[in-house]
Amino acid sequence: MLWSSYESGSYVQTIARSITGKLEGPWEQLPPLVKGDSGHGMLFRTFEGTWMLILHQPFKMPESRCKLYEMEDTGDSFKVVREREDLHGP
């Protein structure tokens, strides 16, 4: 489950994973994917099949912007490959 949480005074984009693979869990909290006051992310695949994470950063308006990260499916989680600054919103 991709979700936003709070750590050290700012929002983070993170993953919680069901240990049993069932909705009722139990769930384990994984380390944050992206820090720096970011959140409300969604994963998607490009037409070429690349996993991407889109989120907003920083959390406060009006500075909040779309940020994109190339992701890797590790089999039981995801990890950031690289920030795609070439695709960020204005």
C-alpha atoms as a PDB file:
ATOM      1  CA  MET A   1       0.000   0.000   0.000  1.00  0.00           C
ATOM      2  CA  LEU A   2       1.441   3.329  -1.073  1.00  0.00           C
ATOM      3  CA  TRP A   3       0.695   6.076   1.438  1.00  0.00           C
ATOM      4  CA  SER A   4       1.832   9.363   2.926  1.00  0.00           C
ATOM      5  CA  SER A   5       3.093   9.545   6.488  1.00  0.00           C
ATOM      6  CA  TYR A   6       4.871  12.056   8.704  1.00  0.00           C
ATOM      7  CA  GLU A   7       8.528  11.870   9.775  1.00  0.00           C
ATOM      8  CA  SER A   8      10.812  14.405  11.437  1.00  0.00           C
ATOM      9  CA  GLY A   9       8.485  17.341  10.822  1.00  0.00           C
ATOM     10  CA  SER A  10       7.559  16.724   7.173  1.00  0.00           C
ATOM     11  CA  TYR A  11       5.573  14.356   5.002  1.00  0.00           C
ATOM     12  CA  VAL A  12       7.106  11.298   3.337  1.00  0.00           C
ATOM     13  CA  GLN A  13       5.886   8.936   0.635  1.00  0.00           C
ATOM     14  CA  THR A  14       6.162   5.389   1.902  1.00  0.00           C
ATOM     15  CA  ILE A  15       4.946   1.801   1.553  1.00  0.00           C
ATOM     16  CA  ALA A  16       3.214  -0.502   3.999  1.00  0.00           C
ATOM     17  CA  ARG A  17       3.201  -4.185   3.027  1.00  0.00           C
ATOM     18  CA  SER A  18       0.864  -6.936   4.200  1.00  0.00           C
ATOM     19  CA  ILE A  19       2.998  -9.733   5.609  1.00  0.00           C
ATOM     20  CA  THR A  20       0.314 -12.302   4.737  1.00  0.00           C
ATOM     21  CA  GLY A  21      -0.674 -10.740   1.407  1.00  0.00           C
ATOM     22  CA  LYS A  22      -4.185 -10.238   2.783  1.00  0.00           C
ATOM     23  CA  LEU A  23      -5.982  -6.952   3.326  1.00  0.00           C
ATOM     24  CA  GLU A  24      -6.400  -7.612   7.034  1.00  0.00           C
ATOM     25  CA  GLY A  25      -2.601  -7.864   7.404  1.00  0.00           C
ATOM     26  CA  PRO A  26      -0.674  -7.771   9.603  1.00  0.00           C
ATOM     27  CA  TRP A  27       1.131  -4.864   7.945  1.00  0.00           C
ATOM     28  CA  GLU A  28       4.766  -3.809   8.133  1.00  0.00           C
ATOM     29  CA  GLN A  29       5.967  -0.266   7.532  1.00  0.00           C
ATOM     30  CA  LEU A  30       8.823  -0.026   5.006  1.00  0.00           C
ATOM     31  CA  PRO A  31      11.353   2.825   4.850  1.00  0.00           C
ATOM     32  CA  PRO A  32      10.197   5.977   3.031  1.00  0.00           C
ATOM     33  CA  LEU A  33      10.537   6.046  -0.754  1.00  0.00           C
ATOM     34  CA  VAL A  34      10.727   9.852  -0.982  1.00  0.00           C
ATOM     35  CA  LYS A  35      11.254  12.346   1.825  1.00  0.00           C
ATOM     36  CA  GLY A  36      11.352  16.138   1.615  1.00  0.00           C
ATOM     37  CA  ASP A  37       7.720  16.983   2.385  1.00  0.00           C
ATOM     38  CA  SER A  38       6.191  14.815  -0.326  1.00  0.00           C
ATOM     39  CA  GLY A  39       3.066  12.728  -0.566  1.00  0.00           C
ATOM     40  CA  HIS A  40      -0.177  11.542  -2.118  1.00  0.00           C
ATOM     41  CA  GLY A  41       1.660   9.463  -4.693  1.00  0.00           C
ATOM     42  CA  MET A  42       0.490   6.999  -7.301  1.00  0.00           C
ATOM     43  CA  LEU A  43       2.404   4.333  -9.210  1.00  0.00           C
ATOM     44  CA  PHE A  44       1.840   3.808 -12.925  1.00  0.00           C
ATOM     45  CA  ARG A  45       3.548   2.276 -15.943  1.00  0.00           C
ATOM     46  CA  THR A  46       4.582   4.276 -18.980  1.00  0.00           C
ATOM     47  CA  PHE A  47       3.581   3.073 -22.446  1.00  0.00           C
ATOM     48  CA  GLU A  48       7.106   1.608 -22.633  1.00  0.00           C
ATOM     49  CA  GLY A  49       6.511  -0.399 -19.425  1.00  0.00           C
ATOM     50  CA  THR A  50       8.626   1.660 -17.006  1.00  0.00           C
ATOM     51  CA  TRP A  51       7.258   1.993 -13.465  1.00  0.00           C
ATOM     52  CA  MET A  52       6.890   5.626 -12.348  1.00  0.00           C
ATOM     53  CA  LEU A  53       5.861   7.314  -9.110  1.00  0.00           C
ATOM     54  CA  ILE A  54       4.081  10.665  -9.324  1.00  0.00           C
ATOM     55  CA  LEU A  55       3.563  12.792  -6.215  1.00  0.00           C
ATOM     56  CA  HIS A  56       3.473  16.381  -5.055  1.00  0.00           C
ATOM     57  CA  GLN A  57       6.364  18.096  -3.341  1.00  0.00           C
ATOM     58  CA  PRO A  58       6.569  20.187  -1.236  1.00  0.00           C
ATOM     59  CA  PHE A  59       3.309  19.581   0.561  1.00  0.00           C
ATOM     60  CA  LYS A  60       2.399  23.245   1.134  1.00  0.00           C
ATOM     61  CA  MET A  61       0.659  25.440  -1.424  1.00  0.00           C
ATOM     62  CA  PRO A  62       1.327  27.356  -3.624  1.00  0.00           C
ATOM     63  CA  GLU A  63       4.845  25.843  -3.951  1.00  0.00           C
ATOM     64  CA  SER A  64       3.530  22.287  -4.428  1.00  0.00           C
ATOM     65  CA  ARG A  65       4.559  20.773  -7.774  1.00  0.00           C
ATOM     66  CA  CYS A  66       4.257  17.484  -9.592  1.00  0.00           C
ATOM     67  CA  LYS A  67       7.378  15.334  -9.168  1.00  0.00           C
ATOM     68  CA  LEU A  68       8.149  12.112 -11.031  1.00  0.00           C
ATOM     69  CA  TYR A  69      10.449   9.256 -10.063  1.00  0.00           C
ATOM     70  CA  GLU A  70      11.480   6.244 -12.109  1.00  0.00           C
ATOM     71  CA  MET A  71      10.869   3.136 -10.004  1.00  0.00           C
ATOM     72  CA  GLU A  72      11.989  -0.487  -9.865  1.00  0.00           C
ATOM     73  CA  ASP A  73       9.704  -3.369  -8.904  1.00  0.00           C
ATOM     74  CA  THR A  74      11.854  -5.447  -6.544  1.00  0.00           C
ATOM     75  CA  GLY A  75       9.338  -8.296  -6.386  1.00  0.00           C
ATOM     76  CA  ASP A  76       8.060  -7.540  -2.890  1.00  0.00           C
ATOM     77  CA  SER A  77       8.325  -3.739  -2.923  1.00  0.00           C
ATOM     78  CA  PHE A  78       9.460  -0.778  -5.032  1.00  0.00           C
ATOM     79  CA  LYS A  79      12.560   1.385  -4.917  1.00  0.00           C
ATOM     80  CA  VAL A  80      13.440   4.713  -6.501  1.00  0.00           C
ATOM     81  CA  VAL A  81      15.789   4.375  -9.469  1.00  0.00           C
ATOM     82  CA  ARG A  82      16.128   8.094 -10.135  1.00  0.00           C
ATOM     83  CA  GLU A  83      14.314  11.378  -9.869  1.00  0.00           C
ATOM     84  CA  ARG A  84      13.036  12.472 -13.290  1.00  0.00           C
ATOM     85  CA  GLU A  85      13.705  16.202 -13.069  1.00  0.00           C
ATOM     86  CA  ASP A  86      13.233  16.418 -16.848  1.00  0.00           C
ATOM     87  CA  LEU A  87       9.547  15.573 -16.323  1.00  0.00           C
ATOM     88  CA  HIS A  88       8.736  17.714 -13.250  1.00  0.00           C
ATOM     89  CA  GLY A  89       5.974  20.271 -13.383  1.00  0.00           C
ATOM     90  CA  PRO A  90       6.795  23.968 -13.723  1.00  0.00           C
END
